[in-house]
PDB file of N, CA and C in Angstrom:
ATOM      1  N   MET A   1      49.774 -47.249  42.580  1.00  0.00           N
ATOM      2  CA  MET A   1      50.664 -47.054  41.993  1.00  0.00           C
ATOM      3  C   MET A   1      51.724 -46.665  41.885  1.00  0.00           C
ATOM      4  N   GLU A   2      52.668 -46.542  42.945  1.00  0.00           N
ATOM      5  CA  GLU A   2      53.761 -45.049  43.699  1.00  0.00           C
ATOM      6  C   GLU A   2      54.274 -45.146  42.100  1.00  0.00           C
ATOM      7  N   LYS A   3      54.505 -44.045  41.908  1.00  0.00           N
ATOM      8  CA  LYS A   3      55.328 -43.188  41.062  1.00  0.00           C
ATOM      9  C   LYS A   3      57.184 -42.869  41.720  1.00  0.00           C
ATOM     10  N   ASP A   4      57.965 -43.751  40.614  1.00  0.00           N
ATOM     11  CA  ASP A   4      59.091 -44.097  41.365  1.00  0.00           C
ATOM     12  C   ASP A   4      59.445 -42.148  41.781  1.00  0.00           C
ATOM     13  N   PRO A   5      60.971 -42.040  42.578  1.00  0.00           N
ATOM     14  CA  PRO A   5      61.282 -40.310  42.037  1.00  0.00           C
ATOM     15  C   PRO A   5      61.297 -40.298  40.997  1.00  0.00           C
ATOM     16  N   SER A   6      61.604 -38.504  41.012  1.00  0.00           N
ATOM     17  CA  SER A   6      61.810 -37.459  39.550  1.00  0.00           C
ATOM     18  C   SER A   6      62.674 -37.356  39.588  1.00  0.00           C
ATOM     19  N   PHE A   7      63.398 -38.166  39.288  1.00  0.00           N
ATOM     20  CA  PHE A   7      64.358 -37.160  38.291  1.00  0.00           C
ATOM     21  C   PHE A   7      64.933 -37.552  37.116  1.00  0.00           C
ATOM     22  N   ASN A   8      65.634 -36.742  35.879  1.00  0.00           N
ATOM     23  CA  ASN A   8      65.753 -36.852  35.552  1.00  0.00           C
ATOM     24  C   ASN A   8      66.628 -37.476  34.647  1.00  0.00           C
ATOM     25  N   VAL A   9      67.230 -37.576  33.984  1.00  0.00           N
ATOM     26  CA  VAL A   9      69.156 -38.334  32.960  1.00  0.00           C
ATOM     27  C   VAL A   9      69.946 -37.963  33.729  1.00  0.00           C
ATOM     28  N   LEU A  10      69.872 -36.327  33.891  1.00  0.00           N
ATOM     29  CA  LEU A  10      70.933 -35.603  34.318  1.00  0.00           C
ATOM     30  C   LEU A  10      71.033 -35.087  35.705  1.00  0.00           C
ATOM     31  N   GLY A  11      69.984 -35.541  36.584  1.00  0.00           N
ATOM     32  CA  GLY A  11      70.711 -36.452  37.344  1.00  0.00           C
ATOM     33  C   GLY A  11      69.513 -35.001  39.012  1.00  0.00           C
ATOM     34  N   SER A  12      69.332 -34.290  38.027  1.00  0.00           N
ATOM     35  CA  SER A  12      67.354 -32.953  38.336  1.00  0.00           C
ATOM     36  C   SER A  12      66.022 -33.615  39.194  1.00  0.00           C
ATOM     37  N   GLN A  13      66.283 -31.923  39.006  1.00  0.00           N
ATOM     38  CA  GLN A  13      63.858 -33.388  39.449  1.00  0.00           C
ATOM     39  C   GLN A  13      63.707 -32.847  37.497  1.00  0.00           C
ATOM     40  N   LEU A  14      62.749 -34.743  37.431  1.00  0.00           N
ATOM     41  CA  LEU A  14      62.068 -34.602  36.198  1.00  0.00           C
ATOM     42  C   LEU A  14      61.352 -32.800  35.887  1.00  0.00           C
ATOM     43  N   ALA A  15      61.669 -32.518  34.573  1.00  0.00           N
ATOM     44  CA  ALA A  15      60.541 -31.504  33.944  1.00  0.00           C
ATOM     45  C   ALA A  15      59.858 -32.276  33.337  1.00  0.00           C
ATOM     46  N   THR A  16      58.517 -31.288  33.482  1.00  0.00           N
ATOM     47  CA  THR A  16      57.538 -30.941  32.331  1.00  0.00           C
ATOM     48  C   THR A  16      57.722 -31.377  30.730  1.00  0.00           C
ATOM     49  N   CYS A  17      57.301 -33.402  30.310  1.00  0.00           N
ATOM     50  CA  CYS A  17      57.422 -32.937  28.538  1.00  0.00           C
ATOM     51  C   CYS A  17      56.548 -32.374  27.961  1.00  0.00           C
ATOM     52  N   SER A  18      55.208 -32.783  28.214  1.00  0.00           N
ATOM     53  CA  SER A  18      54.269 -32.312  27.489  1.00  0.00           C
ATOM     54  C   SER A  18      53.179 -32.318  28.111  1.00  0.00           C
ATOM     55  N   THR A  19      52.066 -31.115  28.011  1.00  0.00           N
ATOM     56  CA  THR A  19      50.867 -31.219  28.606  1.00  0.00           C
ATOM     57  C   THR A  19      49.825 -30.662  27.310  1.00  0.00           C
ATOM     58  N   ALA A  20      50.248 -30.434  26.503  1.00  0.00           N
ATOM     59  CA  ALA A  20      49.619 -30.829  25.341  1.00  0.00           C
ATOM     60  C   ALA A  20      50.107 -30.626  24.139  1.00  0.00           C
ATOM     61  N   PRO A  21      50.335 -32.424  23.544  1.00  0.00           N
ATOM     62  CA  PRO A  21      49.266 -33.283  24.314  1.00  0.00           C
ATOM     63  C   PRO A  21      49.398 -33.047  25.083  1.00  0.00           C
ATOM     64  N   MET A  22      48.820 -33.789  26.285  1.00  0.00           N
ATOM     65  CA  MET A  22      49.031 -34.216  28.107  1.00  0.00           C
ATOM     66  C   MET A  22      49.649 -35.769  27.846  1.00  0.00           C
ATOM     67  N   THR A  23      51.190 -35.954  27.964  1.00  0.00           N
ATOM     68  CA  THR A  23      51.214 -37.250  28.549  1.00  0.00           C
ATOM     69  C   THR A  23      51.191 -38.471  29.554  1.00  0.00           C
ATOM     70  N   GLY A  24      52.827 -39.223  29.486  1.00  0.00           N
ATOM     71  CA  GLY A  24      53.213 -40.008  30.887  1.00  0.00           C
ATOM     72  C   GLY A  24      52.341 -41.222  31.140  1.00  0.00           C
ATOM     73  N   PHE A  25      52.658 -42.253  31.291  1.00  0.00           N
ATOM     74  CA  PHE A  25      51.750 -43.392  31.957  1.00  0.00           C
ATOM     75  C   PHE A  25      50.878 -43.515  32.958  1.00  0.00           C
ATOM     76  N   PHE A  26      51.595 -41.510  33.484  1.00  0.00           N
ATOM     77  CA  PHE A  26      50.478 -41.820  34.347  1.00  0.00           C
ATOM     78  C   PHE A  26      49.144 -40.846  33.802  1.00  0.00           C
ATOM     79  N   ARG A  27      50.301 -40.140  32.965  1.00  0.00           N
ATOM     80  CA  ARG A  27      49.101 -38.835  31.721  1.00  0.00           C
ATOM     81  C   ARG A  27      49.158 -37.842  33.011  1.00  0.00           C
ATOM     82  N   ASN A  28      49.967 -37.157  33.088  1.00  0.00           N
ATOM     83  CA  ASN A  28      50.205 -36.261  34.206  1.00  0.00           C
ATOM     84  C   ASN A  28      51.687 -35.126  33.146  1.00  0.00           C
ATOM     85  N   GLY A  29      51.870 -34.853  32.339  1.00  0.00           N
ATOM     86  CA  GLY A  29      53.074 -34.194  31.715  1.00  0.00           C
ATOM     87  C   GLY A  29      54.361 -34.557  31.574  1.00  0.00           C
ATOM     88  N   ALA A  30      53.935 -35.764  32.590  1.00  0.00           N
ATOM     89  CA  ALA A  30      55.885 -35.662  32.471  1.00  0.00           C
ATOM     90  C   ALA A  30      55.936 -37.362  32.559  1.00  0.00           C
ATOM     91  N   CYS A  31      57.020 -37.992  32.301  1.00  0.00           N
ATOM     92  CA  CYS A  31      57.908 -39.380  31.702  1.00  0.00           C
ATOM     93  C   CYS A  31      58.091 -39.672  33.117  1.00  0.00           C
ATOM     94  N   ASP A  32      57.006 -39.394  34.383  1.00  0.00           N
ATOM     95  CA  ASP A  32      56.905 -40.087  35.657  1.00  0.00           C
ATOM     96  C   ASP A  32      56.581 -41.778  34.647  1.00  0.00           C
ATOM     97  N   THR A  33      57.933 -42.547  35.910  1.00  0.00           N
ATOM     98  CA  THR A  33      57.141 -43.917  35.694  1.00  0.00           C
ATOM     99  C   THR A  33      57.178 -45.489  37.430  1.00  0.00           C
ATOM    100  N   CYS A  34      57.184 -46.075  36.838  1.00  0.00           N
ATOM    101  CA  CYS A  34      56.622 -46.462  38.266  1.00  0.00           C
ATOM    102  C   CYS A  34      56.790 -48.418  37.943  1.00  0.00           C
ATOM    103  N   ALA A  35      56.717 -49.711  38.715  1.00  0.00           N
ATOM    104  CA  ALA A  35      57.416 -51.088  38.149  1.00  0.00           C
ATOM    105  C   ALA A  35      55.796 -51.624  37.064  1.00  0.00           C
ATOM    106  N   ALA A  36      54.574 -50.743  37.593  1.00  0.00           N
ATOM    107  CA  ALA A  36      53.951 -51.261  36.851  1.00  0.00           C
ATOM    108  C   ALA A  36      53.714 -50.598  35.214  1.00  0.00           C
ATOM    109  N   ASP A  37      54.835 -48.942  34.896  1.00  0.00           N
ATOM    110  CA  ASP A  37      55.060 -49.056  33.781  1.00  0.00           C
ATOM    111  C   ASP A  37      56.026 -50.564  32.445  1.00  0.00           C
ATOM    112  N   ASN A  38      55.182 -51.516  32.067  1.00  0.00           N
ATOM    113  CA  ASN A  38      56.663 -51.965  31.696  1.00  0.00           C
ATOM    114  C   ASN A  38      56.807 -51.962  30.523  1.00  0.00           C
ATOM    115  N   GLY A  39      55.987 -50.527  28.959  1.00  0.00           N
ATOM    116  CA  GLY A  39      57.153 -50.466  28.270  1.00  0.00           C
ATOM    117  C   GLY A  39      58.297 -48.830  28.838  1.00  0.00           C
ATOM    118  N   SER A  40      57.953 -48.857  30.298  1.00  0.00           N
ATOM    119  CA  SER A  40      59.573 -48.214  30.478  1.00  0.00           C
ATOM    120  C   SER A  40      59.254 -46.498  29.438  1.00  0.00           C
ATOM    121  N   HIS A  41      57.822 -46.273  29.738  1.00  0.00           N
ATOM    122  CA  HIS A  41      57.513 -44.327  29.201  1.00  0.00           C
ATOM    123  C   HIS A  41      58.364 -43.720  29.715  1.00  0.00           C
ATOM    124  N   THR A  42      60.446 -42.959  29.395  1.00  0.00           N
ATOM    125  CA  THR A  42      60.489 -42.369  30.258  1.00  0.00           C
ATOM    126  C   THR A  42      61.331 -41.348  28.821  1.00  0.00           C
ATOM    127  N   VAL A  43      61.459 -41.964  28.071  1.00  0.00           N
ATOM    128  CA  VAL A  43      62.186 -40.745  27.215  1.00  0.00           C
ATOM    129  C   VAL A  43      61.285 -38.757  26.730  1.00  0.00           C
ATOM    130  N   CYS A  44      61.594 -38.550  26.594  1.00  0.00           N
ATOM    131  CA  CYS A  44      60.698 -37.676  26.067  1.00  0.00           C
ATOM    132  C   CYS A  44      61.360 -36.741  25.375  1.00  0.00           C
ATOM    133  N   ALA A  45      60.383 -37.728  24.245  1.00  0.00           N
ATOM    134  CA  ALA A  45      60.920 -37.103  22.288  1.00  0.00           C
ATOM    135  C   ALA A  45      60.360 -36.034  21.711  1.00  0.00           C
ATOM    136  N   VAL A  46      60.894 -35.474  21.323  1.00  0.00           N
ATOM    137  CA  VAL A  46      60.083 -34.563  20.124  1.00  0.00           C
ATOM    138  C   VAL A  46      59.789 -35.452  19.274  1.00  0.00           C
ATOM    139  N   MET A  47      58.527 -35.362  18.879  1.00  0.00           N
ATOM    140  CA  MET A  47      57.911 -36.242  17.759  1.00  0.00           C
ATOM    141  C   MET A  47      59.035 -35.584  16.204  1.00  0.00           C
ATOM    142  N   THR A  48      58.461 -36.241  14.947  1.00  0.00           N
ATOM    143  CA  THR A  48      59.342 -35.779  14.323  1.00  0.00           C
ATOM    144  C   THR A  48      58.181 -36.703  12.710  1.00  0.00           C
ATOM    145  N   ASP A  49      57.599 -36.329  12.451  1.00  0.00           N
ATOM    146  CA  ASP A  49      57.372 -37.180  10.502  1.00  0.00           C
ATOM    147  C   ASP A  49      58.823 -38.127  10.815  1.00  0.00           C
ATOM    148  N   GLU A  50      59.268 -38.161  10.183  1.00  0.00           N
ATOM    149  CA  GLU A  50      60.385 -39.173   9.599  1.00  0.00           C
ATOM    150  C   GLU A  50      60.386 -40.092  11.322  1.00  0.00           C
ATOM    151  N   PHE A  51      59.736 -39.797  12.615  1.00  0.00           N
ATOM    152  CA  PHE A  51      60.112 -41.597  13.800  1.00  0.00           C
ATOM    153  C   PHE A  51      58.053 -41.725  13.548  1.00  0.00           C
ATOM    154  N   LEU A  52      57.263 -40.559  13.245  1.00  0.00           N
ATOM    155  CA  LEU A  52      55.432 -41.036  13.849  1.00  0.00           C
ATOM    156  C   LEU A  52      55.704 -41.687  12.202  1.00  0.00           C
ATOM    157  N   ALA A  53      56.162 -41.897  11.662  1.00  0.00           N
ATOM    158  CA  ALA A  53      55.838 -42.705   9.896  1.00  0.00           C
ATOM    159  C   ALA A  53      56.607 -44.424  10.394  1.00  0.00           C
ATOM    160  N   PHE A  54      57.770 -44.542  11.449  1.00  0.00           N
ATOM    161  CA  PHE A  54      58.749 -45.434  11.391  1.00  0.00           C
ATOM    162  C   PHE A  54      57.823 -46.683  13.006  1.00  0.00           C
ATOM    163  N   SER A  55      56.435 -44.962  13.426  1.00  0.00           N
ATOM    164  CA  SER A  55      56.466 -45.521  14.956  1.00  0.00           C
ATOM    165  C   SER A  55      55.125 -46.972  13.792  1.00  0.00           C
ATOM    166  N   LYS A  56      54.336 -45.778  13.101  1.00  0.00           N
ATOM    167  CA  LYS A  56      52.980 -46.578  12.760  1.00  0.00           C
ATOM    168  C   LYS A  56      53.441 -48.189  11.421  1.00  0.00           C
ATOM    169  N   TYR A  57      55.034 -47.807  11.029  1.00  0.00           N
ATOM    170  CA  TYR A  57      55.516 -49.419  10.432  1.00  0.00           C
ATOM    171  C   TYR A  57      56.064 -50.302  11.313  1.00  0.00           C
ATOM    172  N   VAL A  58      56.268 -50.703  12.650  1.00  0.00           N
ATOM    173  CA  VAL A  58      56.343 -51.007  13.408  1.00  0.00           C
ATOM    174  C   VAL A  58      55.778 -51.720  14.341  1.00  0.00           C
ATOM    175  N   GLY A  59      53.913 -51.025  14.323  1.00  0.00           N
ATOM    176  CA  GLY A  59      52.546 -51.103  13.697  1.00  0.00           C
ATOM    177  C   GLY A  59      52.551 -50.102  16.219  1.00  0.00           C
ATOM    178  N   ASN A  60      52.714 -49.283  15.959  1.00  0.00           N
ATOM    179  CA  ASN A  60      52.996 -48.214  17.077  1.00  0.00           C
ATOM    180  C   ASN A  60      52.304 -46.994  16.286  1.00  0.00           C
ATOM    181  N   ASP A  61      51.160 -46.827  15.961  1.00  0.00           N
ATOM    182  CA  ASP A  61      50.792 -44.857  15.084  1.00  0.00           C
ATOM    183  C   ASP A  61      50.287 -44.627  15.931  1.00  0.00           C
ATOM    184  N   LEU A  62      50.739 -43.769  16.268  1.00  0.00           N
ATOM    185  CA  LEU A  62      50.819 -42.886  17.612  1.00  0.00           C
ATOM    186  C   LEU A  62      50.268 -41.449  16.593  1.00  0.00           C
ATOM    187  N   SER A  63      50.711 -40.860  15.355  1.00  0.00           N
ATOM    188  CA  SER A  63      49.699 -39.838  14.524  1.00  0.00           C
ATOM    189  C   SER A  63      48.576 -40.053  14.448  1.00  0.00           C
ATOM    190  N   THR A  64      47.327 -41.153  14.457  1.00  0.00           N
ATOM    191  CA  THR A  64      46.486 -41.820  13.617  1.00  0.00           C
ATOM    192  C   THR A  64      45.465 -41.301  14.768  1.00  0.00           C
ATOM    193  N   PRO A  65      44.599 -39.922  15.329  1.00  0.00           N
ATOM    194  CA  PRO A  65      43.278 -40.068  16.137  1.00  0.00           C
ATOM    195  C   PRO A  65      42.946 -41.279  16.651  1.00  0.00           C
ATOM    196  N   ARG A  66      43.132 -41.447  17.924  1.00  0.00           N
ATOM    197  CA  ARG A  66      41.402 -42.106  18.558  1.00  0.00           C
ATOM    198  C   ARG A  66      40.500 -41.836  19.541  1.00  0.00           C
ATOM    199  N   PRO A  67      39.602 -41.238  19.088  1.00  0.00           N
ATOM    200  CA  PRO A  67      39.107 -39.890  19.704  1.00  0.00           C
ATOM    201  C   PRO A  67      38.472 -40.909  20.743  1.00  0.00           C
ATOM    202  N   GLU A  68      37.728 -42.290  20.530  1.00  0.00           N
ATOM    203  CA  GLU A  68      37.527 -42.980  21.159  1.00  0.00           C
ATOM    204  C   GLU A  68      37.557 -42.944  22.512  1.00  0.00           C
ATOM    205  N   PHE A  69      39.196 -42.729  22.680  1.00  0.00           N
ATOM    206  CA  PHE A  69      40.429 -42.688  23.686  1.00  0.00           C
ATOM    207  C   PHE A  69      40.927 -41.748  23.763  1.00  0.00           C
ATOM    208  N   GLY A  70      40.477 -40.308  23.708  1.00  0.00           N
ATOM    209  CA  GLY A  70      40.430 -39.101  24.080  1.00  0.00           C
ATOM    210  C   GLY A  70      41.798 -39.177  23.438  1.00  0.00           C
ATOM    211  N   PHE A  71      42.103 -39.675  22.325  1.00  0.00           N
ATOM    212  CA  PHE A  71      43.804 -39.125  21.946  1.00  0.00           C
ATOM    213  C   PHE A  71      43.363 -38.496  20.546  1.00  0.00           C
ATOM    214  N   ALA A  72      43.997 -36.990  20.485  1.00  0.00           N
ATOM    215  CA  ALA A  72      44.150 -36.593  19.026  1.00  0.00           C
ATOM    216  C   ALA A  72      45.236 -37.094  18.137  1.00  0.00           C
ATOM    217  N   GLY A  73      45.921 -38.222  18.382  1.00  0.00           N
ATOM    218  CA  GLY A  73      47.060 -37.864  17.042  1.00  0.00           C
ATOM    219  C   GLY A  73      48.266 -37.351  17.307  1.00  0.00           C
ATOM    220  N   LEU A  74      49.703 -37.921  17.282  1.00  0.00           N
ATOM    221  CA  LEU A  74      50.047 -36.925  17.925  1.00  0.00           C
ATOM    222  C   LEU A  74      51.346 -36.367  15.843  1.00  0.00           C
ATOM    223  N   LYS A  75      52.084 -35.593  16.221  1.00  0.00           N
ATOM    224  CA  LYS A  75      52.163 -33.925  14.941  1.00  0.00           C
ATOM    225  C   LYS A  75      53.404 -34.080  15.606  1.00  0.00           C
ATOM    226  N   ALA A  76      54.033 -33.323  13.880  1.00  0.00           N
ATOM    227  CA  ALA A  76      55.673 -33.545  14.027  1.00  0.00           C
ATOM    228  C   ALA A  76      56.367 -32.046  14.963  1.00  0.00           C
ATOM    229  N   GLY A  77      56.657 -31.890  16.360  1.00  0.00           N
ATOM    230  CA  GLY A  77      57.240 -31.341  17.332  1.00  0.00           C
ATOM    231  C   GLY A  77      56.406 -31.080  19.068  1.00  0.00           C
ATOM    232  N   ASP A  78      55.102 -32.105  18.597  1.00  0.00           N
ATOM    233  CA  ASP A  78      54.421 -33.009  20.075  1.00  0.00           C
ATOM    234  C   ASP A  78      55.887 -33.419  20.941  1.00  0.00           C
ATOM    235  N   GLY A  79      55.586 -33.282  22.021  1.00  0.00           N
ATOM    236  CA  GLY A  79      55.736 -33.683  22.982  1.00  0.00           C
ATOM    237  C   GLY A  79      55.916 -35.356  23.618  1.00  0.00           C
ATOM    238  N   TRP A  80      56.227 -36.483  23.536  1.00  0.00           N
ATOM    239  CA  TRP A  80      56.045 -37.623  24.258  1.00  0.00           C
ATOM    240  C   TRP A  80      56.810 -38.191  24.106  1.00  0.00           C
ATOM    241  N   CYS A  81      55.950 -38.513  24.892  1.00  0.00           N
ATOM    242  CA  CYS A  81      56.731 -39.988  26.997  1.00  0.00           C
ATOM    243  C   CYS A  81      57.166 -41.566  26.475  1.00  0.00           C
ATOM    244  N   LEU A  82      58.384 -42.152  25.041  1.00  0.00           N
ATOM    245  CA  LEU A  82      58.190 -42.189  24.697  1.00  0.00           C
ATOM    246  C   LEU A  82      58.510 -43.718  25.268  1.00  0.00           C
ATOM    247  N   CYS A  83      58.026 -45.462  25.295  1.00  0.00           N
ATOM    248  CA  CYS A  83      59.148 -45.975  25.636  1.00  0.00           C
ATOM    249  C   CYS A  83      60.438 -46.352  25.337  1.00  0.00           C
ATOM    250  N   ALA A  84      61.316 -46.280  26.005  1.00  0.00           N
ATOM    251  CA  ALA A  84      62.704 -46.500  26.338  1.00  0.00           C
ATOM    252  C   ALA A  84      63.847 -47.571  24.619  1.00  0.00           C
ATOM    253  N   GLY A  85      62.783 -48.439  24.852  1.00  0.00           N
ATOM    254  CA  GLY A  85      62.535 -49.308  23.745  1.00  0.00           C
ATOM    255  C   GLY A  85      62.850 -49.415  22.389  1.00  0.00           C
ATOM    256  N   ARG A  86      61.566 -48.116  22.454  1.00  0.00           N
ATOM    257  CA  ARG A  86      61.366 -47.904  20.823  1.00  0.00           C
ATOM    258  C   ARG A  86      61.358 -46.481  20.317  1.00  0.00           C
ATOM    259  N   PHE A  87      62.660 -45.995  21.564  1.00  0.00           N
ATOM    260  CA  PHE A  87      63.327 -44.860  20.958  1.00  0.00           C
ATOM    261  C   PHE A  87      65.605 -46.226  21.179  1.00  0.00           C
ATOM    262  N   LEU A  88      65.863 -46.669  21.425  1.00  0.00           N
ATOM    263  CA  LEU A  88      66.605 -47.398  20.860  1.00  0.00           C
ATOM    264  C   LEU A  88      67.042 -47.833  19.434  1.00  0.00           C
ATOM    265  N   GLN A  89      65.265 -48.826  19.916  1.00  0.00           N
ATOM    266  CA  GLN A  89      65.323 -49.168  17.809  1.00  0.00           C
ATOM    267  C   GLN A  89      64.729 -48.258  17.053  1.00  0.00           C
ATOM    268  N   ALA A  90      64.516 -47.475  16.786  1.00  0.00           N
ATOM    269  CA  ALA A  90      64.684 -45.889  16.180  1.00  0.00           C
ATOM    270  C   ALA A  90      66.447 -45.472  15.890  1.00  0.00           C
ATOM    271  N   HIS A  91      66.935 -45.265  17.483  1.00  0.00           N
ATOM    272  CA  HIS A  91      67.638 -44.645  17.237  1.00  0.00           C
ATOM    273  C   HIS A  91      68.919 -46.304  16.206  1.00  0.00           C
ATOM    274  N   GLU A  92      68.414 -46.944  16.575  1.00  0.00           N
ATOM    275  CA  GLU A  92      69.477 -48.512  15.596  1.00  0.00           C
ATOM    276  C   GLU A  92      68.982 -48.335  14.269  1.00  0.00           C
ATOM    277  N   GLU A  93      67.365 -47.276  14.288  1.00  0.00           N
ATOM    278  CA  GLU A  93      66.914 -47.422  13.018  1.00  0.00           C
ATOM    279  C   GLU A  93      67.460 -46.479  11.716  1.00  0.00           C
ATOM    280  N   GLY A  94      68.131 -45.559  12.397  1.00  0.00           N
ATOM    281  CA  GLY A  94      68.121 -43.750  12.366  1.00  0.00           C
ATOM    282  C   GLY A  94      67.232 -43.078  11.724  1.00  0.00           C
ATOM    283  N   CYS A  95      66.678 -43.272  12.609  1.00  0.00           N
ATOM    284  CA  CYS A  95      64.794 -42.571  12.944  1.00  0.00           C
ATOM    285  C   CYS A  95      64.546 -42.114  14.176  1.00  0.00           C
ATOM    286  N   ALA A  96      65.402 -42.221  14.850  1.00  0.00           N
ATOM    287  CA  ALA A  96      64.959 -41.676  17.092  1.00  0.00           C
ATOM    288  C   ALA A  96      64.992 -40.015  16.976  1.00  0.00           C
ATOM    289  N   PRO A  97      64.318 -39.251  17.002  1.00  0.00           N
ATOM    290  CA  PRO A  97      63.664 -38.332  17.153  1.00  0.00           C
ATOM    291  C   PRO A  97      64.079 -37.017  17.975  1.00  0.00           C
ATOM    292  N   ARG A  98      64.216 -36.228  18.338  1.00  0.00           N
ATOM    293  CA  ARG A  98      64.953 -35.034  19.057  1.00  0.00           C
ATOM    294  C   ARG A  98      64.743 -36.040  20.448  1.00  0.00           C
ATOM    295  N   VAL A  99      65.945 -35.763  21.635  1.00  0.00           N
ATOM    296  CA  VAL A  99      65.468 -36.124  23.258  1.00  0.00           C
ATOM    297  C   VAL A  99      65.827 -34.594  23.847  1.00  0.00           C
ATOM    298  N   ASN A 100      64.655 -34.172  25.571  1.00  0.00           N
ATOM    299  CA  ASN A 100      64.620 -33.169  26.193  1.00  0.00           C
ATOM    300  C   ASN A 100      65.238 -33.960  27.373  1.00  0.00           C
ATOM    301  N   LEU A 101      66.262 -33.601  27.858  1.00  0.00           N
ATOM    302  CA  LEU A 101      66.866 -35.014  29.091  1.00  0.00           C
ATOM    303  C   LEU A 101      66.435 -34.277  30.051  1.00  0.00           C
ATOM    304  N   TYR A 102      66.407 -32.989  29.687  1.00  0.00           N
ATOM    305  CA  TYR A 102      66.071 -33.027  31.291  1.00  0.00           C
ATOM    306  C   TYR A 102      64.411 -32.938  32.044  1.00  0.00           C
ATOM    307  N   ALA A 103      64.002 -33.508  30.882  1.00  0.00           N
ATOM    308  CA  ALA A 103      62.418 -34.152  30.765  1.00  0.00           C
ATOM    309  C   ALA A 103      62.095 -35.985  30.714  1.00  0.00           C
ATOM    310  N   THR A 104      63.288 -36.122  30.366  1.00  0.00           N
ATOM    311  CA  THR A 104      63.750 -38.517  30.274  1.00  0.00           C
ATOM    312  C   THR A 104      63.665 -38.807  31.988  1.00  0.00           C
ATOM    313  N   HIS A 105      63.382 -39.321  31.801  1.00  0.00           N
ATOM    314  CA  HIS A 105      63.162 -40.093  33.399  1.00  0.00           C
ATOM    315  C   HIS A 105      64.581 -40.558  33.543  1.00  0.00           C
ATOM    316  N   VAL A 106      65.441 -40.534  35.133  1.00  0.00           N
ATOM    317  CA  VAL A 106      66.437 -41.553  34.612  1.00  0.00           C
ATOM    318  C   VAL A 106      66.632 -43.289  34.509  1.00  0.00           C
ATOM    319  N   ARG A 107      65.018 -44.256  34.512  1.00  0.00           N
ATOM    320  CA  ARG A 107      65.211 -45.669  34.539  1.00  0.00           C
ATOM    321  C   ARG A 107      65.234 -45.676  32.894  1.00  0.00           C
ATOM    322  N   ALA A 108      64.820 -44.103  31.873  1.00  0.00           N
ATOM    323  CA  ALA A 108      65.309 -44.378  30.038  1.00  0.00           C
ATOM    324  C   ALA A 108      66.806 -45.509  30.649  1.00  0.00           C
ATOM    325  N   LEU A 109      67.673 -44.388  31.394  1.00  0.00           N
ATOM    326  CA  LEU A 109      69.491 -45.267  31.618  1.00  0.00           C
ATOM    327  C   LEU A 109      69.660 -46.497  31.408  1.00  0.00           C
ATOM    328  N   GLU A 110      67.838 -47.714  32.340  1.00  0.00           N
ATOM    329  CA  GLU A 110      68.205 -49.489  32.272  1.00  0.00           C
ATOM    330  C   GLU A 110      67.732 -50.136  30.633  1.00  0.00           C
ATOM    331  N   ILE A 111      67.470 -48.888  29.989  1.00  0.00           N
ATOM    332  CA  ILE A 111      67.031 -49.482  28.983  1.00  0.00           C
ATOM    333  C   ILE A 111      68.375 -48.431  27.596  1.00  0.00           C
ATOM    334  N   VAL A 112      68.704 -47.504  27.840  1.00  0.00           N
ATOM    335  CA  VAL A 112      69.353 -46.618  26.620  1.00  0.00           C
ATOM    336  C   VAL A 112      70.429 -45.964  27.707  1.00  0.00           C
ATOM    337  N   SER A 113      71.784 -46.199  27.135  1.00  0.00           N
ATOM    338  CA  SER A 113      72.796 -45.297  26.749  1.00  0.00           C
ATOM    339  C   SER A 113      72.761 -43.394  27.506  1.00  0.00           C
ATOM    340  N   ILE A 114      73.306 -43.505  27.859  1.00  0.00           N
ATOM    341  CA  ILE A 114      73.686 -41.430  28.532  1.00  0.00           C
ATOM    342  C   ILE A 114      74.060 -41.501  26.913  1.00  0.00           C
ATOM    343  N   GLU A 115      75.011 -41.696  26.362  1.00  0.00           N
ATOM    344  CA  GLU A 115      75.727 -41.419  25.486  1.00  0.00           C
ATOM    345  C   GLU A 115      74.875 -41.922  23.983  1.00  0.00           C
ATOM    346  N   VAL A 116      73.404 -42.312  24.185  1.00  0.00           N
ATOM    347  CA  VAL A 116      72.777 -42.119  23.286  1.00  0.00           C
ATOM    348  C   VAL A 116      71.643 -40.932  22.762  1.00  0.00           C
ATOM    349  N   LEU A 117      71.318 -41.585  23.828  1.00  0.00           N
ATOM    350  CA  LEU A 117      70.763 -40.239  24.136  1.00  0.00           C
ATOM    351  C   LEU A 117      71.273 -38.335  24.438  1.00  0.00           C
ATOM    352  N   ARG A 118      72.672 -38.336  25.041  1.00  0.00           N
ATOM    353  CA  ARG A 118      73.453 -37.667  24.538  1.00  0.00           C
ATOM    354  C   ARG A 118      73.644 -37.239  21.818  1.00  0.00           C
ATOM    355  N   GLU A 119      73.652 -38.011  22.030  1.00  0.00           N
ATOM    356  CA  GLU A 119      73.238 -37.540  20.358  1.00  0.00           C
ATOM    357  C   GLU A 119      72.707 -38.030  20.134  1.00  0.00           C
ATOM    358  N   HIS A 120      70.980 -37.381  21.023  1.00  0.00           N
ATOM    359  CA  HIS A 120      69.871 -37.187  20.298  1.00  0.00           C
ATOM    360  C   HIS A 120      68.784 -36.414  20.692  1.00  0.00           C
ATOM    361  N   ALA A 121      69.311 -35.219  22.676  1.00  0.00           N
ATOM    362  CA  ALA A 121      69.020 -35.048  22.506  1.00  0.00           C
ATOM    363  C   ALA A 121      68.856 -33.039  22.606  1.00  0.00           C
ATOM    364  N   LEU A 122      68.084 -32.450  23.227  1.00  0.00           N
ATOM    365  CA  LEU A 122      68.439 -31.001  22.275  1.00  0.00           C
ATOM    366  C   LEU A 122      69.397 -30.084  23.530  1.00  0.00           C
ATOM    367  N   PRO A 123      69.706 -28.808  22.986  1.00  0.00           N
ATOM    368  CA  PRO A 123      70.549 -28.227  22.861  1.00  0.00           C
ATOM    369  C   PRO A 123      69.900 -28.076  24.834  1.00  0.00           C
ATOM    370  N   LEU A 124      71.426 -28.593  25.571  1.00  0.00           N
ATOM    371  CA  LEU A 124      70.918 -27.521  26.875  1.00  0.00           C
ATOM    372  C   LEU A 124      70.760 -26.342  27.355  1.00  0.00           C
ATOM    373  N   ASP A 125      70.180 -25.907  27.888  1.00  0.00           N
ATOM    374  CA  ASP A 125      69.999 -23.979  28.365  1.00  0.00           C
ATOM    375  C   ASP A 125      71.151 -24.100  28.793  1.00  0.00           C
TER     376      ASP A 125
END
C-alpha cells in the first residue's frame, strides 16, 4: 500500500496525531491514508468521554481494552485518527471531539467540510 502525500487540511506537512497510543491506518502515529483505507481514518481527534460513549453506542467500542489486538483502549485526552464519516456523524449528533487541524489529513475534506472541522478545532498556534 502506497501512502497518499502527507498534507493536512491547512495545506502544510501532516503532523503526528499520537504515538501513545499509536494511531493511524498505517499505525505510524499520523492520519496518513491510501486507496485501501476504506474508512478514511483521516481526522485527528482528541477523545472525550462523551465521544467515546457515543462511539460505543453506535457500534465502535474504542474504550474497552482488546489485548489480543494490542489495543489498550482509549480514554479522554488521547489523540486518535478517526474515520471522517464517524466524526461527521458525531458532529451531527452534537458530540464531536476536538480536532487537531495540523494532524488531520487533507483527504478528510472529501467527507467533512473545513467549516465543520474548524468549528471543532483545537486552537491554532
